[in-house]
C-alpha atoms as a PDB file:
ATOM      1  CA  MET A   1      40.141   4.732  -2.892  1.00  0.00           C
ATOM      2  CA  ALA A   2      38.870   8.309  -3.147  1.00  0.00           C
ATOM      3  CA  ASP A   3      39.367  10.943  -0.501  1.00  0.00           C
ATOM      4  CA  TRP A   4      36.607  11.373   2.078  1.00  0.00           C
ATOM      5  CA  VAL A   5      34.014  13.961   1.116  1.00  0.00           C
ATOM      6  CA  GLU A   6      33.199  16.494   3.765  1.00  0.00           C
ATOM      7  CA  ASN A   7      29.487  16.317   4.764  1.00  0.00           C
ATOM      8  CA  PRO A   8      28.834  13.435   2.326  1.00  0.00           C
ATOM      9  CA  LEU A   9      25.176  13.275   3.276  1.00  0.00           C
ATOM     10  CA  ARG A  10      24.349  16.930   2.777  1.00  0.00           C
ATOM     11  CA  VAL A  11      21.202  17.449   0.716  1.00  0.00           C
ATOM     12  CA  ASP A  12      19.379  20.290  -1.007  1.00  0.00           C
ATOM     13  CA  GLU A  13      16.048  19.889   0.679  1.00  0.00           C
ATOM     14  CA  SER A  14      14.113  22.160  -1.603  1.00  0.00           C
ATOM     15  CA  SER A  15      15.339  20.467  -4.784  1.00  0.00           C
ATOM     16  CA  ILE A  16      14.827  16.964  -3.461  1.00  0.00           C
ATOM     17  CA  CYS A  17      11.343  17.632  -2.167  1.00  0.00           C
ATOM     18  CA  GLN A  18      10.288  19.058  -5.494  1.00  0.00           C
ATOM     19  CA  GLN A  19      11.847  16.187  -7.391  1.00  0.00           C
ATOM     20  CA  LEU A  20      10.187  13.519  -5.177  1.00  0.00           C
ATOM     21  CA  ALA A  21       6.754  15.240  -5.258  1.00  0.00           C
ATOM     22  CA  GLU A  22       6.879  15.292  -9.088  1.00  0.00           C
ATOM     23  CA  PHE A  23       8.031  11.664  -9.113  1.00  0.00           C
ATOM     24  CA  ILE A  24       5.096  10.469  -7.030  1.00  0.00           C
ATOM     25  CA  GLU A  25       2.551  12.233  -9.209  1.00  0.00           C
ATOM     26  CA  SER A  26       4.185  11.260 -12.505  1.00  0.00           C
ATOM     27  CA  GLN A  27       4.148   7.548 -11.500  1.00  0.00           C
ATOM     28  CA  ARG A  28       0.536   7.772 -10.462  1.00  0.00           C
ATOM     29  CA  LYS A  29      -0.348   9.061 -13.904  1.00  0.00           C
ATOM     30  CA  ALA A  30       2.008   6.707 -15.729  1.00  0.00           C
ATOM     31  CA  LEU A  31       0.458   3.681 -14.029  1.00  0.00           C
ATOM     32  CA  ASN A  32      -3.066   4.980 -14.565  1.00  0.00           C
ATOM     33  CA  ARG A  33      -4.058   5.096 -10.911  1.00  0.00           C
ATOM     34  CA  ASP A  34      -6.847   7.252  -9.583  1.00  0.00           C
ATOM     35  CA  GLY A  35      -4.920   8.119  -6.452  1.00  0.00           C
ATOM     36  CA  ILE A  36      -2.240   6.965  -4.046  1.00  0.00           C
ATOM     37  CA  LEU A  37      -2.278   4.904  -0.816  1.00  0.00           C
ATOM     38  CA  ILE A  38       0.185   5.382   2.006  1.00  0.00           C
ATOM     39  CA  GLY A  39       0.430   3.154   5.045  1.00  0.00           C
ATOM     40  CA  LEU A  40       0.809   5.718   7.792  1.00  0.00           C
ATOM     41  CA  SER A  41       2.548   4.237  10.837  1.00  0.00           C
ATOM     42  CA  GLY A  42       2.955   7.392  12.873  1.00  0.00           C
ATOM     43  CA  GLY A  43       6.720   7.343  12.290  1.00  0.00           C
ATOM     44  CA  LEU A  44       9.001   9.718  10.423  1.00  0.00           C
ATOM     45  CA  ASP A  45       9.496   7.772   7.234  1.00  0.00           C
ATOM     46  CA  SER A  46       5.805   7.470   6.254  1.00  0.00           C
ATOM     47  CA  ALA A  47       5.216  11.023   7.465  1.00  0.00           C
ATOM     48  CA  VAL A  48       7.867  12.341   5.074  1.00  0.00           C
ATOM     49  CA  VAL A  49       6.244  10.396   2.216  1.00  0.00           C
ATOM     50  CA  ALA A  50       2.830  11.762   3.111  1.00  0.00           C
ATOM     51  CA  TYR A  51       4.091  15.342   3.317  1.00  0.00           C
ATOM     52  CA  LEU A  52       5.892  14.960  -0.006  1.00  0.00           C
ATOM     53  CA  SER A  53       2.823  13.569  -1.619  1.00  0.00           C
ATOM     54  CA  VAL A  54       0.634  16.593  -0.954  1.00  0.00           C
ATOM     55  CA  LEU A  55       3.174  18.727  -2.814  1.00  0.00           C
ATOM     56  CA  GLY A  56       2.441  16.888  -6.022  1.00  0.00           C
ATOM     57  CA  VAL A  57      -0.858  15.001  -5.637  1.00  0.00           C
ATOM     58  CA  GLU A  58      -4.294  16.477  -5.059  1.00  0.00           C
ATOM     59  CA  ARG A  59      -5.384  15.838  -1.443  1.00  0.00           C
ATOM     60  CA  GLU A  60      -8.594  14.166  -2.475  1.00  0.00           C
ATOM     61  CA  ARG A  61      -6.540  11.584  -4.323  1.00  0.00           C
ATOM     62  CA  ILE A  62      -4.485  10.630  -1.274  1.00  0.00           C
ATOM     63  CA  LYS A  63      -5.597   7.808   1.037  1.00  0.00           C
ATOM     64  CA  LEU A  64      -3.861   7.389   4.442  1.00  0.00           C
ATOM     65  CA  VAL A  65      -4.276   4.064   6.223  1.00  0.00           C
ATOM     66  CA  ASN A  66      -3.136   3.098   9.687  1.00  0.00           C
ATOM     67  CA  LEU A  67      -2.967  -0.643  10.461  1.00  0.00           C
ATOM     68  CA  PRO A  68      -2.249  -1.261  14.172  1.00  0.00           C
ATOM     69  CA  ASP A  69      -2.492  -4.574  15.965  1.00  0.00           C
ATOM     70  CA  LYS A  70      -2.972  -5.402  19.620  1.00  0.00           C
ATOM     71  CA  ASP A  71       0.723  -4.910  20.398  1.00  0.00           C
ATOM     72  CA  SER A  72       0.933  -1.546  18.670  1.00  0.00           C
ATOM     73  CA  LYS A  73       1.673   1.405  20.958  1.00  0.00           C
ATOM     74  CA  ILE A  74      -1.234   3.823  21.388  1.00  0.00           C
ATOM     75  CA  GLN A  75       1.185   6.755  20.851  1.00  0.00           C
ATOM     76  CA  HIS A  76       1.833   5.680  17.300  1.00  0.00           C
ATOM     77  CA  ARG A  77      -1.881   5.694  16.515  1.00  0.00           C
ATOM     78  CA  LYS A  78      -2.125   9.202  17.969  1.00  0.00           C
ATOM     79  CA  ASP A  79       0.839  10.308  15.947  1.00  0.00           C
ATOM     80  CA  ALA A  80      -0.690   8.949  12.740  1.00  0.00           C
ATOM     81  CA  ARG A  81      -3.822  10.972  13.495  1.00  0.00           C
ATOM     82  CA  LEU A  82      -1.685  14.003  14.158  1.00  0.00           C
ATOM     83  CA  ILE A  83       0.009  13.684  10.767  1.00  0.00           C
ATOM     84  CA  ALA A  84      -3.311  13.190   8.967  1.00  0.00           C
ATOM     85  CA  ARG A  85      -4.888  16.172  10.685  1.00  0.00           C
ATOM     86  CA  SER A  86      -1.899  18.400   9.882  1.00  0.00           C
ATOM     87  CA  LEU A  87      -2.326  17.435   6.229  1.00  0.00           C
ATOM     88  CA  ASP A  88      -6.112  17.794   6.315  1.00  0.00           C
ATOM     89  CA  ILE A  89      -6.521  14.274   4.952  1.00  0.00           C
ATOM     90  CA  PRO A  90      -8.873  11.644   6.503  1.00  0.00           C
ATOM     91  CA  LEU A  91      -7.183   8.667   8.141  1.00  0.00           C
ATOM     92  CA  VAL A  92      -8.627   5.205   7.840  1.00  0.00           C
ATOM     93  CA  THR A  93      -7.691   2.993  10.803  1.00  0.00           C
ATOM     94  CA  HIS A  94      -8.109  -0.771  10.624  1.00  0.00           C
ATOM     95  CA  ASN A  95      -6.958  -3.084  13.386  1.00  0.00           C
ATOM     96  CA  ILE A  96      -5.322  -6.184  11.932  1.00  0.00           C
ATOM     97  CA  SER A  97      -5.343  -8.215  15.198  1.00  0.00           C
ATOM     98  CA  SER A  98      -8.233 -10.496  14.191  1.00  0.00           C
ATOM     99  CA  ALA A  99      -6.603 -11.267  10.822  1.00  0.00           C
ATOM    100  CA  LEU A 100      -3.290 -12.021  12.504  1.00  0.00           C
ATOM    101  CA  ALA A 101      -5.040 -14.192  15.156  1.00  0.00           C
ATOM    102  CA  LYS A 102      -6.594 -16.387  12.446  1.00  0.00           C
ATOM    103  CA  THR A 103      -3.151 -17.171  11.096  1.00  0.00           C
ATOM    104  CA  GLY A 104      -1.911 -18.280  14.518  1.00  0.00           C
ATOM    105  CA  VAL A 105       0.600 -15.434  14.923  1.00  0.00           C
ATOM    106  CA  TYR A 106      -0.214 -14.719  18.570  1.00  0.00           C
ATOM    107  CA  GLN A 107       0.374 -18.348  19.516  1.00  0.00           C
ATOM    108  CA  LEU A 108       3.993 -18.126  18.473  1.00  0.00           C
ATOM    109  CA  LEU A 109       5.106 -16.441  21.744  1.00  0.00           C
ATOM    110  CA  PRO A 110       3.684 -16.999  25.214  1.00  0.00           C
ATOM    111  CA  LEU A 111       1.549 -14.491  27.093  1.00  0.00           C
ATOM    112  CA  ARG A 112       1.550 -13.953  30.838  1.00  0.00           C
ATOM    113  CA  TYR A 113      -0.141 -11.642  33.320  1.00  0.00           C
ATOM    114  CA  VAL A 114       2.191  -9.385  35.277  1.00  0.00           C
ATOM    115  CA  PRO A 115       1.225  -8.866  38.915  1.00  0.00           C
ATOM    116  CA  GLY A 116       0.322  -5.321  39.657  1.00  0.00           C
ATOM    117  CA  ARG A 117      -0.363  -4.400  36.033  1.00  0.00           C
ATOM    118  CA  LYS A 118      -3.720  -4.229  34.323  1.00  0.00           C
ATOM    119  CA  ALA A 119      -2.720  -5.309  30.818  1.00  0.00           C
ATOM    120  CA  LYS A 120      -1.262  -8.584  29.775  1.00  0.00           C
ATOM    121  CA  GLU A 121       2.289  -8.431  28.497  1.00  0.00           C
ATOM    122  CA  LEU A 122       4.036 -10.406  25.813  1.00  0.00           C
ATOM    123  CA  LEU A 123       6.948 -12.362  27.232  1.00  0.00           C
ATOM    124  CA  VAL A 124       9.616 -11.252  24.707  1.00  0.00           C
ATOM    125  CA  ARG A 125      13.192 -12.258  25.476  1.00  0.00           C
ATOM    126  CA  LEU A 126      14.876 -12.111  22.116  1.00  0.00           C
ATOM    127  CA  GLY A 127      17.681 -10.071  23.619  1.00  0.00           C
ATOM    128  CA  LYS A 128      17.516 -11.349  27.156  1.00  0.00           C
ATOM    129  CA  ALA A 129      16.689 -15.040  27.364  1.00  0.00           C
ATOM    130  CA  VAL A 130      19.567 -15.911  25.031  1.00  0.00           C
ATOM    131  CA  GLU A 131      22.197 -15.003  27.624  1.00  0.00           C
ATOM    132  CA  LYS A 132      21.359 -11.286  27.224  1.00  0.00           C
ATOM    133  CA  ILE A 133      22.888 -11.172  23.783  1.00  0.00           C
ATOM    134  CA  ASP A 134      24.075  -7.830  22.405  1.00  0.00           C
ATOM    135  CA  ASN A 135      22.267  -5.746  19.856  1.00  0.00           C
ATOM    136  CA  THR A 136      24.092  -7.120  16.797  1.00  0.00           C
ATOM    137  CA  LYS A 137      23.183 -10.632  17.840  1.00  0.00           C
ATOM    138  CA  VAL A 138      19.519  -9.693  18.222  1.00  0.00           C
ATOM    139  CA  LEU A 139      19.624  -8.972  14.506  1.00  0.00           C
ATOM    140  CA  SER A 140      21.919 -11.839  13.541  1.00  0.00           C
ATOM    141  CA  ALA A 141      19.495 -14.265  15.329  1.00  0.00           C
ATOM    142  CA  ARG A 142      17.273 -13.739  12.241  1.00  0.00           C
ATOM    143  CA  LEU A 143      19.843 -15.334   9.955  1.00  0.00           C
ATOM    144  CA  SER A 144      19.654 -18.961  11.000  1.00  0.00           C
ATOM    145  CA  PRO A 145      17.753 -19.510  14.239  1.00  0.00           C
ATOM    146  CA  GLU A 146      17.301 -22.970  15.669  1.00  0.00           C
ATOM    147  CA  PRO A 147      13.894 -24.284  14.405  1.00  0.00           C
ATOM    148  CA  ASN A 148      11.018 -23.513  16.713  1.00  0.00           C
ATOM    149  CA  SER A 149      13.297 -21.641  19.118  1.00  0.00           C
ATOM    150  CA  LEU A 150      12.277 -18.446  20.836  1.00  0.00           C
ATOM    151  CA  ALA A 151      14.316 -16.486  18.318  1.00  0.00           C
ATOM    152  CA  ALA A 152      12.711 -18.224  15.343  1.00  0.00           C
ATOM    153  CA  ARG A 153       9.210 -17.738  16.655  1.00  0.00           C
ATOM    154  CA  GLY A 154      10.007 -14.146  17.543  1.00  0.00           C
ATOM    155  CA  VAL A 155      11.145 -13.447  13.982  1.00  0.00           C
ATOM    156  CA  ALA A 156       7.971 -15.026  12.585  1.00  0.00           C
ATOM    157  CA  TYR A 157       5.848 -13.166  15.078  1.00  0.00           C
ATOM    158  CA  GLY A 158       7.260  -9.752  14.153  1.00  0.00           C
ATOM    159  CA  MET A 159       7.641 -10.196  10.408  1.00  0.00           C
ATOM    160  CA  SER A 160       4.090 -11.582   9.989  1.00  0.00           C
ATOM    161  CA  LYS A 161       2.662  -8.223  10.966  1.00  0.00           C
ATOM    162  CA  HIS A 162       4.294  -6.199   8.236  1.00  0.00           C
ATOM    163  CA  ARG A 163       3.435  -8.912   5.701  1.00  0.00           C
ATOM    164  CA  MET A 164      -0.203  -8.732   6.754  1.00  0.00           C
ATOM    165  CA  ARG A 165      -0.072  -4.937   6.405  1.00  0.00           C
ATOM    166  CA  MET A 166       1.353  -5.270   2.928  1.00  0.00           C
ATOM    167  CA  MET A 167      -1.461  -7.669   1.899  1.00  0.00           C
ATOM    168  CA  MET A 168      -4.139  -5.407   3.292  1.00  0.00           C
ATOM    169  CA  LEU A 169      -2.708  -2.275   1.715  1.00  0.00           C
ATOM    170  CA  TYR A 170      -2.649  -3.894  -1.684  1.00  0.00           C
ATOM    171  CA  GLN A 171      -6.125  -5.293  -1.309  1.00  0.00           C
ATOM    172  CA  HIS A 172      -7.445  -1.824  -0.565  1.00  0.00           C
ATOM    173  CA  ALA A 173      -5.326  -0.267  -3.316  1.00  0.00           C
ATOM    174  CA  GLU A 174      -6.496  -2.740  -5.984  1.00  0.00           C
ATOM    175  CA  VAL A 175     -10.182  -2.350  -5.079  1.00  0.00           C
ATOM    176  CA  HIS A 176      -9.918   1.459  -5.391  1.00  0.00           C
ATOM    177  CA  ASN A 177      -7.283   1.677  -8.195  1.00  0.00           C
ATOM    178  CA  LEU A 178      -4.638   3.353  -5.996  1.00  0.00           C
ATOM    179  CA  LEU A 179      -0.878   3.433  -6.236  1.00  0.00           C
ATOM    180  CA  VAL A 180       0.844   1.910  -3.182  1.00  0.00           C
ATOM    181  CA  VAL A 181       3.545   4.397  -2.064  1.00  0.00           C
ATOM    182  CA  GLY A 182       6.145   2.843   0.259  1.00  0.00           C
ATOM    183  CA  ALA A 183       8.402   4.539   2.828  1.00  0.00           C
ATOM    184  CA  ALA A 184      11.537   2.441   3.021  1.00  0.00           C
ATOM    185  CA  ASN A 185      14.797   4.343   3.493  1.00  0.00           C
ATOM    186  CA  LYS A 186      18.297   3.432   2.362  1.00  0.00           C
ATOM    187  CA  THR A 187      19.639   2.842   5.905  1.00  0.00           C
ATOM    188  CA  GLU A 188      17.206   0.070   6.715  1.00  0.00           C
ATOM    189  CA  VAL A 189      17.649  -1.503   3.253  1.00  0.00           C
ATOM    190  CA  LEU A 190      21.465  -1.670   3.630  1.00  0.00           C
ATOM    191  CA  THR A 191      21.386  -2.913   7.234  1.00  0.00           C
ATOM    192  CA  GLY A 192      18.554  -5.458   6.796  1.00  0.00           C
ATOM    193  CA  THR A 193      16.383  -3.800   9.431  1.00  0.00           C
ATOM    194  CA  PHE A 194      13.170  -4.271   7.379  1.00  0.00           C
ATOM    195  CA  THR A 195      10.695  -7.081   6.817  1.00  0.00           C
ATOM    196  CA  LEU A 196      11.283  -9.176   3.762  1.00  0.00           C
ATOM    197  CA  TRP A 197       8.119  -9.116   1.645  1.00  0.00           C
ATOM    198  CA  GLY A 198       6.511  -6.747   4.139  1.00  0.00           C
ATOM    199  CA  CYS A 199       4.924  -3.347   3.821  1.00  0.00           C
ATOM    200  CA  ASP A 200       8.410  -1.733   4.317  1.00  0.00           C
ATOM    201  CA  GLN A 201       9.714  -3.473   1.199  1.00  0.00           C
ATOM    202  CA  CYS A 202       6.785  -4.131  -1.109  1.00  0.00           C
ATOM    203  CA  ALA A 203       5.153  -1.115  -2.842  1.00  0.00           C
ATOM    204  CA  ASP A 204       4.546   0.198  -6.355  1.00  0.00           C
ATOM    205  CA  ILE A 205       7.013   3.015  -5.803  1.00  0.00           C
ATOM    206  CA  MET A 206       9.575   3.812  -3.072  1.00  0.00           C
ATOM    207  CA  PRO A 207      10.314   7.500  -3.419  1.00  0.00           C
ATOM    208  CA  ILE A 208      12.746   7.829  -0.452  1.00  0.00           C
ATOM    209  CA  SER A 209      14.624   4.431  -0.697  1.00  0.00           C
ATOM    210  CA  HIS A 210      17.701   6.203  -2.058  1.00  0.00           C
ATOM    211  CA  LEU A 211      17.907   8.479   0.997  1.00  0.00           C
ATOM    212  CA  TYR A 212      19.560   7.611   4.312  1.00  0.00           C
ATOM    213  CA  ARG A 213      17.557   7.922   7.508  1.00  0.00           C
ATOM    214  CA  SER A 214      19.550  10.960   8.713  1.00  0.00           C
ATOM    215  CA  GLN A 215      18.821  12.736   5.382  1.00  0.00           C
ATOM    216  CA  LEU A 216      15.113  12.191   5.954  1.00  0.00           C
ATOM    217  CA  GLU A 217      15.428  14.015   9.281  1.00  0.00           C
ATOM    218  CA  LYS A 218      16.599  17.057   7.345  1.00  0.00           C
ATOM    219  CA  LEU A 219      13.703  16.768   4.919  1.00  0.00           C
ATOM    220  CA  ALA A 220      11.245  16.410   7.776  1.00  0.00           C
ATOM    221  CA  GLU A 221      12.462  19.666   9.270  1.00  0.00           C
ATOM    222  CA  TYR A 222      12.207  21.417   5.863  1.00  0.00           C
ATOM    223  CA  LEU A 223       8.672  20.093   5.361  1.00  0.00           C
ATOM    224  CA  HIS A 224       7.630  21.341   8.841  1.00  0.00           C
ATOM    225  CA  ILE A 225       6.587  17.915  10.069  1.00  0.00           C
ATOM    226  CA  PRO A 226       5.572  18.240  13.728  1.00  0.00           C
ATOM    227  CA  LYS A 227       8.474  18.081  16.147  1.00  0.00           C
ATOM    228  CA  ARG A 228       6.826  15.197  17.979  1.00  0.00           C
ATOM    229  CA  ILE A 229       7.191  13.068  14.855  1.00  0.00           C
ATOM    230  CA  ARG A 230      10.686  14.265  13.956  1.00  0.00           C
ATOM    231  CA  LYS A 231      12.134  13.534  17.368  1.00  0.00           C
ATOM    232  CA  LYS A 232      10.535  10.147  18.167  1.00  0.00           C
ATOM    233  CA  PRO A 233      12.599   6.880  18.023  1.00  0.00           C
ATOM    234  CA  ALA A 234      12.572   4.832  14.835  1.00  0.00           C
ATOM    235  CA  ASP A 235      10.248   2.229  16.347  1.00  0.00           C
ATOM    236  CA  PRO A 236       9.307  -0.695  13.982  1.00  0.00           C
ATOM    237  CA  ASP A 237       6.295  -1.324  16.363  1.00  0.00           C
ATOM    238  CA  ILE A 238       6.085  -5.010  15.543  1.00  0.00           C
ATOM    239  CA  ILE A 239       7.236  -6.675  18.787  1.00  0.00           C
ATOM    240  CA  PRO A 240       7.366  -5.438  22.401  1.00  0.00           C
ATOM    241  CA  GLY A 241      10.878  -4.894  23.677  1.00  0.00           C
ATOM    242  CA  ILE A 242      12.323  -3.664  20.335  1.00  0.00           C
ATOM    243  CA  ASN A 243      11.495  -0.001  20.355  1.00  0.00           C
ATOM    244  CA  ASP A 244      14.218   1.806  18.447  1.00  0.00           C
ATOM    245  CA  LYS A 245      16.208   0.727  15.446  1.00  0.00           C
ATOM    246  CA  GLU A 246      18.938   3.147  16.498  1.00  0.00           C
ATOM    247  CA  GLU A 247      19.503   1.019  19.625  1.00  0.00           C
ATOM    248  CA  LEU A 248      20.176  -1.953  17.305  1.00  0.00           C
ATOM    249  CA  VAL A 249      22.388  -0.423  14.652  1.00  0.00           C
ATOM    250  CA  GLY A 250      23.785   2.759  16.269  1.00  0.00           C
ATOM    251  CA  SER A 251      23.384   6.513  15.718  1.00  0.00           C
ATOM    252  CA  PHE A 252      21.913   7.135  12.246  1.00  0.00           C
ATOM    253  CA  GLU A 253      24.136  10.184  11.840  1.00  0.00           C
ATOM    254  CA  VAL A 254      27.209   7.955  12.177  1.00  0.00           C
ATOM    255  CA  VAL A 255      25.836   4.697  10.679  1.00  0.00           C
ATOM    256  CA  ASP A 256      24.760   6.480   7.527  1.00  0.00           C
ATOM    257  CA  GLN A 257      28.244   7.961   6.946  1.00  0.00           C
ATOM    258  CA  ILE A 258      29.756   4.500   7.447  1.00  0.00           C
ATOM    259  CA  LEU A 259      27.273   3.001   4.931  1.00  0.00           C
ATOM    260  CA  TRP A 260      28.110   5.815   2.508  1.00  0.00           C
ATOM    261  CA  GLY A 261      31.759   4.968   2.931  1.00  0.00           C
ATOM    262  CA  LEU A 262      31.151   1.263   2.264  1.00  0.00           C
ATOM    263  CA  GLU A 263      29.156   2.149  -0.808  1.00  0.00           C
ATOM    264  CA  HIS A 264      32.035   4.312  -2.087  1.00  0.00           C
ATOM    265  CA  GLY A 265      34.813   1.840  -1.598  1.00  0.00           C
ATOM    266  CA  PHE A 266      36.338   2.854   1.759  1.00  0.00           C
ATOM    267  CA  ASP A 267      37.883  -0.069   3.602  1.00  0.00           C
ATOM    268  CA  ASN A 268      37.178  -1.072   7.195  1.00  0.00           C
ATOM    269  CA  GLU A 269      40.455   0.217   8.497  1.00  0.00           C
ATOM    270  CA  SER A 270      39.968   3.765   7.221  1.00  0.00           C
ATOM    271  CA  LEU A 271      36.404   3.861   8.409  1.00  0.00           C
ATOM    272  CA  SER A 272      37.414   2.543  11.886  1.00  0.00           C
ATOM    273  CA  GLY A 273      40.002   5.273  12.115  1.00  0.00           C
ATOM    274  CA  ARG A 274      37.274   7.837  11.507  1.00  0.00           C
ATOM    275  CA  PHE A 275      34.325   6.412  13.477  1.00  0.00           C
ATOM    276  CA  GLY A 276      35.720   3.747  15.811  1.00  0.00           C
ATOM    277  CA  GLU A 277      36.203   0.004  15.352  1.00  0.00           C
ATOM    278  CA  GLU A 278      33.164  -1.108  17.349  1.00  0.00           C
ATOM    279  CA  ILE A 279      30.443   0.662  15.404  1.00  0.00           C
ATOM    280  CA  VAL A 280      32.160   0.087  12.060  1.00  0.00           C
ATOM    281  CA  SER A 281      32.372  -3.701  12.774  1.00  0.00           C
ATOM    282  CA  ARG A 282      28.665  -3.703  13.629  1.00  0.00           C
ATOM    283  CA  VAL A 283      27.668  -1.818  10.511  1.00  0.00           C
ATOM    284  CA  VAL A 284      29.898  -3.908   8.232  1.00  0.00           C
ATOM    285  CA  PHE A 285      28.439  -7.103   9.743  1.00  0.00           C
ATOM    286  CA  LEU A 286      24.879  -5.974   8.967  1.00  0.00           C
ATOM    287  CA  TYR A 287      25.835  -4.647   5.526  1.00  0.00           C
ATOM    288  CA  ASP A 288      27.410  -7.959   4.565  1.00  0.00           C
ATOM    289  CA  LYS A 289      25.252 -10.516   6.309  1.00  0.00           C
ATOM    290  CA  PHE A 290      21.946  -9.028   5.224  1.00  0.00           C
ATOM    291  CA  ARG A 291      22.990  -8.484   1.643  1.00  0.00           C
ATOM    292  CA  PHE A 292      20.805 -11.445   0.637  1.00  0.00           C
ATOM    293  CA  MET A 293      17.705  -9.456   1.640  1.00  0.00           C
ATOM    294  CA  ARG A 294      18.626  -6.921  -1.033  1.00  0.00           C
ATOM    295  CA  GLU A 295      19.149  -9.607  -3.679  1.00  0.00           C
ATOM    296  CA  ILE A 296      16.508 -12.323  -3.385  1.00  0.00           C
ATOM    297  CA  PRO A 297      14.677 -13.947  -4.968  1.00  0.00           C
ATOM    298  CA  TYR A 298      17.682 -15.645  -6.496  1.00  0.00           C
ATOM    299  CA  SER A 299      17.268 -17.228  -9.908  1.00  0.00           C
ATOM    300  CA  ILE A 300      19.277 -18.874 -12.625  1.00  0.00           C
ATOM    301  CA  THR A 301      20.397 -16.219 -15.091  1.00  0.00           C
END
């Protein structure tokens, strides 16, 4: 086992940004696309990709699309508009609620009216109804939920949204000969906190998938992305009640170093001595149990 590297996630922001900007444009040309398409959620990851893109791609070749549904927080839509305005690129917004409704998604979980409140709320109890299970179990419930249980329907409810977004992004891209540029980061890939076959996995290129979430925060600062975007929680915005991936996996600054350690052969004991047994156990669980999401589809070789 090698010695621990001090500041293992340190990055040269200037060099990386130039490299990624050139990569995006070179792939656009190599794949003979007239432009690029970015699904802009209003979050940090897609904002970084958008800001990187303008460094290498002509603005008129960049299409930004926001695809909210009826559960999406209004603030994320505002943030998507903020990012687009700051880049001086038009934003196309298309609400996907009607498309989701036709597939039966909104029937998977019950709705109720809450006395004293104007809006109807989704009764989401993925972390509460099941004996107030802890954060790790919220994620592990995805692995093998009881058929037609609240957990199973909740997983289908949330994941369907990103899959619908993926389909709509590709439909638009193929009509207009655009390159779909994804915004997955390495932290979510290694912990399984993404949607299998969703818009956070499926794209023509994934320019930042080799970078941890905490490294993206450094790039965002270097790129002068608005502070509002840089400081907001990592909200997947697919299901009410799950508002911050950091609440599920732990502090990105710590989690990313643990993931780096696992990738470089450090054992659980040495990592626990450095970061604490509780968070290391959680990260190791996610890293191991969701490995299949990084490997499928399986096939006979």
